[in-house]
Amino acid sequence: MDALVHPFADCSRLPTSRETERAAAETAFRAIIRWAGDDPDRPGLIETPARLARAFEQYFAGYSQDPGQILQKTFKEIDGYDEMIVLRGIRFESHCEHHLAPIVGKAWVAYVPEGRVVGISKLARVVDAYARRLQIQERMTVQIANTISEVLQPRGVGVIIKATHHCMTTRGVHKPDSDLITSRMLGCFRDNSRLRQEFVALVD
């Protein structure tokens, strides 16, 4: 009689920890659907747990990114440029860590270089790396500014974020026309009121 072969005898066929976690997430989503009062096995919902797992991988992709690493490549051939650089209206989507409700907004990021600059797309990627995590807006504002300051070591950094929080616009107090504004000013943006006002004036 032939010996029975375990289905995972070939280690290459073992599920990865990521696959195991995904399966657990899909099971949890099925439980949530059932708890909400619907049948996770009905045709319209049977694939929803898998879709949710894939969506959550996108929503929280920031955990697998190193924002500091994003800023490592810089350019020194700037002919002495030492004025403010501002990337305006960086749209982002995040999720509130208290209710997992969407936070949708824009970020304005400014810095005054000290001998080197970074590609502007990298600033947007830093915003996304922090946005795609469970967040509160105040912490996200600080994280973006501090990372740019620590890695680039510019003369100063300014970050302003305006966002709508669905945890209070579509639930709770239901105030759909409200938004939250936060800011973080470092270096010359904190010390120089004229420069700070110039940056604020550039915010839509």
Protein backbone atom coordinates (compact mmCIF):
# COMPACT_ATOMS: atom_id res chain seq x y z
CA MET A 1 0.00 0.00 0.00
CA ASP A 2 1.42 3.33 -0.97
CA ALA A 3 2.21 5.69 1.89
CA LEU A 4 -0.16 8.64 2.22
CA VAL A 5 1.45 11.91 1.18
CA HIS A 6 0.61 14.97 3.25
CA PRO A 7 -0.64 17.77 0.97
CA PHE A 8 2.04 20.08 2.35
CA ALA A 9 4.90 17.57 2.23
CA ASP A 10 6.40 19.74 -0.48
CA CYS A 11 7.37 22.85 1.50
CA SER A 12 6.87 25.01 -1.57
CA ARG A 13 3.15 24.30 -1.20
CA LEU A 14 2.93 25.44 2.42
CA PRO A 15 0.76 28.51 2.86
CA THR A 16 2.71 31.62 3.73
CA SER A 17 1.95 33.58 6.89
CA ARG A 18 0.47 36.27 4.64
CA GLU A 19 -1.90 33.73 3.07
CA THR A 20 -2.84 32.45 6.52
CA GLU A 21 -3.56 36.00 7.70
CA ARG A 22 -5.61 36.69 4.57
CA ALA A 23 -7.70 33.58 5.20
CA ALA A 24 -8.26 34.69 8.81
CA ALA A 25 -9.28 38.16 7.59
CA GLU A 26 -11.78 36.70 5.13
CA THR A 27 -13.26 34.57 7.92
CA ALA A 28 -13.57 37.68 10.08
CA PHE A 29 -15.29 39.60 7.28
CA ARG A 30 -17.76 36.74 6.85
CA ALA A 31 -18.52 36.94 10.57
CA ILE A 32 -19.07 40.70 10.33
CA ILE A 33 -21.48 40.28 7.41
CA ARG A 34 -23.41 37.66 9.38
CA TRP A 35 -23.40 39.86 12.50
CA ALA A 36 -24.73 42.78 10.43
CA GLY A 37 -27.73 40.61 9.59
CA ASP A 38 -27.01 39.25 6.13
CA ASP A 39 -26.00 35.88 4.72
CA PRO A 40 -22.33 35.77 3.62
CA ASP A 41 -23.14 32.75 1.45
CA ARG A 42 -25.75 34.41 -0.74
CA PRO A 43 -24.59 35.03 -4.34
CA GLY A 44 -24.14 38.78 -3.99
CA LEU A 45 -21.93 38.46 -0.91
CA ILE A 46 -20.05 35.21 -1.33
CA GLU A 47 -16.99 36.93 -2.86
CA THR A 48 -17.20 40.02 -0.66
CA PRO A 49 -14.84 38.79 2.10
CA ALA A 50 -12.08 38.18 -0.48
CA ARG A 51 -12.72 41.57 -2.07
CA LEU A 52 -12.53 43.23 1.34
CA ALA A 53 -9.23 41.53 2.09
CA ARG A 54 -7.78 42.83 -1.18
CA ALA A 55 -9.18 46.30 -0.51
CA PHE A 56 -7.68 46.39 2.97
CA GLU A 57 -4.28 45.48 1.52
CA GLN A 58 -4.54 48.65 -0.57
CA TYR A 59 -5.97 50.80 2.23
CA PHE A 60 -3.12 49.88 4.59
CA ALA A 61 -0.22 49.45 2.17
CA GLY A 62 1.68 52.11 4.11
CA TYR A 63 2.70 49.60 6.74
CA SER A 64 4.96 47.89 4.22
CA GLN A 65 6.63 51.15 3.17
CA ASP A 66 9.52 53.01 4.79
CA PRO A 67 8.82 56.75 4.37
CA GLY A 68 12.40 57.64 5.22
CA GLN A 69 13.72 55.37 2.49
CA ILE A 70 11.48 57.09 -0.05
CA LEU A 71 13.46 60.33 0.48
CA GLN A 72 16.95 58.85 0.19
CA LYS A 73 17.62 59.92 -3.41
CA THR A 74 18.30 63.66 -3.55
CA PHE A 75 19.77 66.16 -6.02
CA LYS A 76 22.54 68.64 -5.19
CA GLU A 77 22.79 70.47 -8.52
CA ILE A 78 20.41 73.26 -7.58
CA ASP A 79 22.61 76.32 -8.29
CA GLY A 80 22.21 77.61 -4.76
CA TYR A 81 18.39 77.53 -4.70
CA ASP A 82 17.38 78.39 -1.13
CA GLU A 83 13.77 79.52 -1.33
CA MET A 84 10.62 77.72 -0.25
CA ILE A 85 9.49 74.66 -2.21
CA VAL A 86 5.79 73.81 -1.93
CA LEU A 87 3.85 70.83 -3.23
CA ARG A 88 0.19 71.76 -2.99
CA GLY A 89 -3.03 69.80 -2.76
CA ILE A 90 -1.68 66.25 -2.40
CA ARG A 91 -4.89 64.23 -2.28
CA PHE A 92 -4.92 61.25 0.07
CA GLU A 93 -7.26 58.68 1.56
CA SER A 94 -6.71 57.32 5.05
CA HIS A 95 -8.74 55.56 7.75
CA CYS A 96 -9.58 56.65 11.26
CA GLU A 97 -8.06 54.29 13.82
CA HIS A 98 -11.11 54.63 16.08
CA HIS A 99 -13.85 53.59 13.63
CA LEU A 100 -11.96 52.54 10.46
CA ALA A 101 -13.99 55.23 8.71
CA PRO A 102 -12.42 57.03 5.72
CA ILE A 103 -10.42 60.23 6.10
CA VAL A 104 -10.26 62.03 2.76
CA GLY A 105 -8.28 65.20 2.28
CA LYS A 106 -5.33 67.10 0.89
CA ALA A 107 -1.87 67.88 2.18
CA TRP A 108 0.35 70.87 1.48
CA VAL A 109 4.05 70.16 2.05
CA ALA A 110 6.78 72.79 2.04
CA TYR A 111 10.46 72.91 2.83
CA VAL A 112 13.43 75.25 2.42
CA PRO A 113 16.38 73.22 1.13
CA GLU A 114 19.86 73.19 2.57
CA GLY A 115 22.00 72.35 -0.45
CA ARG A 116 19.86 69.52 -1.87
CA VAL A 117 16.32 68.81 -3.01
CA VAL A 118 14.19 65.72 -3.49
CA GLY A 119 11.97 64.75 -6.41
CA ILE A 120 8.51 66.16 -5.83
CA SER A 121 6.82 62.80 -6.37
CA LYS A 122 8.70 61.55 -3.31
CA LEU A 123 6.91 64.10 -1.14
CA ALA A 124 3.57 62.78 -2.35
CA ARG A 125 4.71 59.21 -1.69
CA VAL A 126 5.64 60.09 1.89
CA VAL A 127 2.15 61.48 2.41
CA ASP A 128 0.64 58.27 1.01
CA ALA A 129 2.91 56.03 3.08
CA TYR A 130 1.61 57.57 6.29
CA ALA A 131 -1.97 58.00 5.05
CA ARG A 132 -2.32 54.32 4.19
CA ARG A 133 -2.28 53.30 7.83
CA LEU A 134 -4.74 53.51 10.69
CA GLN A 135 -4.39 57.16 11.59
CA ILE A 136 -5.43 60.26 13.41
CA GLN A 137 -4.81 63.41 11.41
CA GLU A 138 -2.75 65.13 14.09
CA ARG A 139 -0.21 62.29 14.24
CA MET A 140 -0.06 61.94 10.46
CA THR A 141 0.77 65.66 10.15
CA VAL A 142 3.64 65.33 12.61
CA GLN A 143 4.96 62.13 11.01
CA ILE A 144 5.15 63.67 7.54
CA ALA A 145 6.92 66.82 8.75
CA ASN A 146 9.32 65.03 11.08
CA THR A 147 10.37 62.48 8.46
CA ILE A 148 11.11 65.15 5.85
CA SER A 149 13.06 67.15 8.42
CA GLU A 150 15.07 64.18 9.70
CA VAL A 151 15.99 62.77 6.28
CA LEU A 152 16.51 65.90 4.17
CA GLN A 153 17.74 68.14 7.01
CA PRO A 154 16.41 71.29 5.33
CA ARG A 155 16.26 74.72 6.91
CA GLY A 156 12.63 74.16 7.70
CA VAL A 157 9.51 72.12 6.96
CA GLY A 158 5.85 73.03 6.88
CA VAL A 159 2.90 70.66 6.55
CA ILE A 160 -0.78 71.58 6.47
CA ILE A 161 -3.55 69.00 6.11
CA LYS A 162 -7.25 69.57 5.46
CA ALA A 163 -9.48 66.52 5.61
CA THR A 164 -13.03 65.30 5.98
CA HIS A 165 -13.55 62.58 8.58
CA HIS A 166 -16.36 60.16 7.84
CA CYS A 167 -16.43 59.12 11.48
CA MET A 168 -18.27 62.41 12.08
CA THR A 169 -19.79 63.21 8.66
CA THR A 170 -21.56 59.91 7.92
CA ARG A 171 -22.07 58.64 11.49
CA GLY A 172 -22.09 60.02 15.02
CA VAL A 173 -22.85 63.75 14.99
CA HIS A 174 -23.48 63.77 11.18
CA LYS A 175 -21.83 67.09 10.29
CA PRO A 176 -21.16 66.65 6.53
CA ASP A 177 -19.85 70.17 5.86
CA SER A 178 -17.03 70.09 8.42
CA ASP A 179 -13.35 69.47 7.86
CA LEU A 180 -10.28 69.37 10.09
CA ILE A 181 -7.15 71.46 9.56
CA THR A 182 -3.83 70.57 11.18
CA SER A 183 -0.33 71.96 10.75
CA ARG A 184 3.26 71.30 11.72
CA MET A 185 5.96 73.96 11.35
CA LEU A 186 9.63 73.19 11.92
CA GLY A 187 12.82 75.22 11.64
CA CYS A 188 12.50 78.46 9.70
CA PHE A 189 8.75 77.91 9.24
CA ARG A 190 8.35 78.05 13.01
CA ASP A 191 10.84 80.86 13.60
CA ASN A 192 10.05 83.13 10.64
CA SER A 193 6.48 84.43 10.75
CA ARG A 194 6.75 85.99 7.28
CA LEU A 195 7.74 82.68 5.71
CA ARG A 196 5.03 80.86 7.61
CA GLN A 197 2.40 83.33 6.44
CA GLU A 198 3.64 83.02 2.86
CA PHE A 199 3.20 79.26 3.04
CA VAL A 200 -0.26 79.49 4.61
CA ALA A 201 -1.31 81.96 1.88
CA LEU A 202 -0.48 79.31 -0.74
CA VAL A 203 -2.96 76.86 0.76
CA ASP A 204 -6.23 76.88 -1.18
